[in-house]
Amino acid sequence: MGTREDYQALMEKQLNAWKAQTEAFKAAAEQIEAHAKAQYEKNLEILRAKQTEAWEYFHKLKGANEGAWAQFKAHMDKARGEVKDAVERMTTKSKQ
């Protein structure tokens, strides 16, 4: 084989190797995206559950008598912190 044919064969081999590697990267990226989406949806589900719980405590707090108000306030403070953490987790993950 002459120089021209050798060069073309070498380039074809390299281009095919890069094509295969690119396809592998694409497949890996799709897996990462699927995993990231699943994690995002899980975090969103947690956030929604924490919000629901916080609203329940809020409504109980609003209707509580003086004796129960302090107890519901403690629950509300805890729920508020959990919702805040879940929102921050969602914000951090969406920036990555």
C-alpha atoms as a PDB file:
ATOM      1  CA  MET A   1       0.000   0.000   0.000  1.00  0.00           C
ATOM      2  CA  GLY A   2       1.220   3.477  -0.787  1.00  0.00           C
ATOM      3  CA  THR A   3       1.498   6.429   1.530  1.00  0.00           C
ATOM      4  CA  ARG A   4      -1.819   7.846   0.443  1.00  0.00           C
ATOM      5  CA  GLU A   5      -3.682   4.587   1.076  1.00  0.00           C
ATOM      6  CA  ASP A   6      -1.918   4.078   4.424  1.00  0.00           C
ATOM      7  CA  TYR A   7      -2.854   7.548   5.533  1.00  0.00           C
ATOM      8  CA  GLN A   8      -6.486   7.132   4.476  1.00  0.00           C
ATOM      9  CA  ALA A   9      -6.726   3.772   6.232  1.00  0.00           C
ATOM     10  CA  LEU A  10      -5.200   5.233   9.388  1.00  0.00           C
ATOM     11  CA  MET A  11      -7.580   8.214   9.316  1.00  0.00           C
ATOM     12  CA  GLU A  12     -10.595   6.003   8.661  1.00  0.00           C
ATOM     13  CA  LYS A  13      -9.621   3.772  11.580  1.00  0.00           C
ATOM     14  CA  GLN A  14      -9.116   6.780  13.878  1.00  0.00           C
ATOM     15  CA  LEU A  15     -12.377   8.429  12.807  1.00  0.00           C
ATOM     16  CA  ASN A  16     -14.289   5.183  13.404  1.00  0.00           C
ATOM     17  CA  ALA A  17     -12.665   4.806  16.830  1.00  0.00           C
ATOM     18  CA  TRP A  18     -13.665   8.372  17.725  1.00  0.00           C
ATOM     19  CA  LYS A  19     -17.184   7.731  16.444  1.00  0.00           C
ATOM     20  CA  ALA A  20     -17.492   4.667  18.678  1.00  0.00           C
ATOM     21  CA  GLN A  21     -16.105   6.599  21.630  1.00  0.00           C
ATOM     22  CA  THR A  22     -18.557   9.453  20.992  1.00  0.00           C
ATOM     23  CA  GLU A  23     -21.456   7.003  20.956  1.00  0.00           C
ATOM     24  CA  ALA A  24     -20.256   5.575  24.262  1.00  0.00           C
ATOM     25  CA  PHE A  25     -20.120   9.099  25.709  1.00  0.00           C
ATOM     26  CA  LYS A  26     -23.634   9.765  24.449  1.00  0.00           C
ATOM     27  CA  ALA A  27     -24.946   6.579  26.064  1.00  0.00           C
ATOM     28  CA  ALA A  28     -23.207   7.476  29.322  1.00  0.00           C
ATOM     29  CA  ALA A  29     -24.654  11.000  29.209  1.00  0.00           C
ATOM     30  CA  GLU A  30     -28.158   9.599  28.793  1.00  0.00           C
ATOM     31  CA  GLN A  31     -27.631   7.410  31.857  1.00  0.00           C
ATOM     32  CA  ILE A  32     -26.372  10.372  33.863  1.00  0.00           C
ATOM     33  CA  GLU A  33     -29.355  12.428  32.739  1.00  0.00           C
ATOM     34  CA  ALA A  34     -31.760   9.645  33.702  1.00  0.00           C
ATOM     35  CA  HIS A  35     -30.111   9.310  37.112  1.00  0.00           C
ATOM     36  CA  ALA A  36     -30.082  13.078  37.627  1.00  0.00           C
ATOM     37  CA  LYS A  37     -33.744  13.307  36.630  1.00  0.00           C
ATOM     38  CA  ALA A  38     -34.667  10.505  39.008  1.00  0.00           C
ATOM     39  CA  GLN A  39     -32.803  12.220  41.850  1.00  0.00           C
ATOM     40  CA  TYR A  40     -34.421  15.573  41.008  1.00  0.00           C
ATOM     41  CA  GLU A  41     -37.888  14.009  41.045  1.00  0.00           C
ATOM     42  CA  LYS A  42     -37.129  12.285  44.354  1.00  0.00           C
ATOM     43  CA  ASN A  43     -36.030  15.593  45.883  1.00  0.00           C
ATOM     44  CA  LEU A  44     -39.148  17.271  44.475  1.00  0.00           C
ATOM     45  CA  GLU A  45     -41.334  14.581  46.020  1.00  0.00           C
ATOM     46  CA  ILE A  46     -39.635  15.129  49.390  1.00  0.00           C
ATOM     47  CA  LEU A  47     -40.143  18.888  49.059  1.00  0.00           C
ATOM     48  CA  ARG A  48     -43.840  18.480  48.312  1.00  0.00           C
ATOM     49  CA  ALA A  49     -44.300  16.137  51.274  1.00  0.00           C
ATOM     50  CA  LYS A  50     -42.519  18.573  53.585  1.00  0.00           C
ATOM     51  CA  GLN A  51     -44.667  21.446  52.287  1.00  0.00           C
ATOM     52  CA  THR A  52     -47.855  19.443  52.871  1.00  0.00           C
ATOM     53  CA  GLU A  53     -46.743  18.668  56.404  1.00  0.00           C
ATOM     54  CA  ALA A  54     -45.861  22.314  57.040  1.00  0.00           C
ATOM     55  CA  TRP A  55     -49.290  23.463  55.815  1.00  0.00           C
ATOM     56  CA  GLU A  56     -50.973  20.939  58.103  1.00  0.00           C
ATOM     57  CA  TYR A  57     -49.056  22.278  61.092  1.00  0.00           C
ATOM     58  CA  PHE A  58     -49.798  25.847  60.016  1.00  0.00           C
ATOM     59  CA  HIS A  59     -53.556  25.199  59.952  1.00  0.00           C
ATOM     60  CA  LYS A  60     -53.373  23.455  63.327  1.00  0.00           C
ATOM     61  CA  LEU A  61     -51.325  26.348  64.692  1.00  0.00           C
ATOM     62  CA  LYS A  62     -53.902  28.866  63.513  1.00  0.00           C
ATOM     63  CA  GLY A  63     -56.720  27.009  65.245  1.00  0.00           C
ATOM     64  CA  ALA A  64     -54.840  26.056  68.406  1.00  0.00           C
ATOM     65  CA  ASN A  65     -55.829  27.293  71.826  1.00  0.00           C
ATOM     66  CA  GLU A  66     -53.248  28.928  74.100  1.00  0.00           C
ATOM     67  CA  GLY A  67     -52.253  25.628  75.705  1.00  0.00           C
ATOM     68  CA  ALA A  68     -51.581  23.803  72.436  1.00  0.00           C
ATOM     69  CA  TRP A  69     -50.168  26.778  70.515  1.00  0.00           C
ATOM     70  CA  ALA A  70     -46.611  26.376  71.851  1.00  0.00           C
ATOM     71  CA  GLN A  71     -46.593  22.696  70.879  1.00  0.00           C
ATOM     72  CA  PHE A  72     -47.811  23.417  67.352  1.00  0.00           C
ATOM     73  CA  LYS A  73     -45.341  26.286  67.056  1.00  0.00           C
ATOM     74  CA  ALA A  74     -42.486  23.863  67.793  1.00  0.00           C
ATOM     75  CA  HIS A  75     -43.795  21.497  65.111  1.00  0.00           C
ATOM     76  CA  MET A  76     -44.200  24.419  62.705  1.00  0.00           C
ATOM     77  CA  ASP A  77     -40.626  25.608  63.335  1.00  0.00           C
ATOM     78  CA  LYS A  78     -39.312  22.099  62.641  1.00  0.00           C
ATOM     79  CA  ALA A  79     -41.408  21.756  59.479  1.00  0.00           C
ATOM     80  CA  ARG A  80     -40.289  25.208  58.310  1.00  0.00           C
ATOM     81  CA  GLY A  81     -36.648  24.173  58.656  1.00  0.00           C
ATOM     82  CA  GLU A  82     -37.267  20.948  56.738  1.00  0.00           C
ATOM     83  CA  VAL A  83     -39.010  22.782  53.886  1.00  0.00           C
ATOM     84  CA  LYS A  84     -36.212  25.349  53.785  1.00  0.00           C
ATOM     85  CA  ASP A  85     -33.604  22.553  53.589  1.00  0.00           C
ATOM     86  CA  ALA A  86     -35.559  20.792  50.825  1.00  0.00           C
ATOM     87  CA  VAL A  87     -35.838  24.030  48.816  1.00  0.00           C
ATOM     88  CA  GLU A  88     -32.112  24.666  49.204  1.00  0.00           C
ATOM     89  CA  ARG A  89     -31.368  21.090  48.123  1.00  0.00           C
ATOM     90  CA  MET A  90     -33.507  21.601  44.991  1.00  0.00           C
ATOM     91  CA  THR A  91     -31.823  24.946  44.275  1.00  0.00           C
ATOM     92  CA  THR A  92     -28.340  23.487  44.670  1.00  0.00           C
ATOM     93  CA  LYS A  93     -29.097  20.458  42.483  1.00  0.00           C
ATOM     94  CA  SER A  94     -30.652  22.557  39.728  1.00  0.00           C
ATOM     95  CA  LYS A  95     -27.494  24.694  39.475  1.00  0.00           C
ATOM     96  CA  GLN A  96     -25.225  21.663  39.005  1.00  0.00           C
END
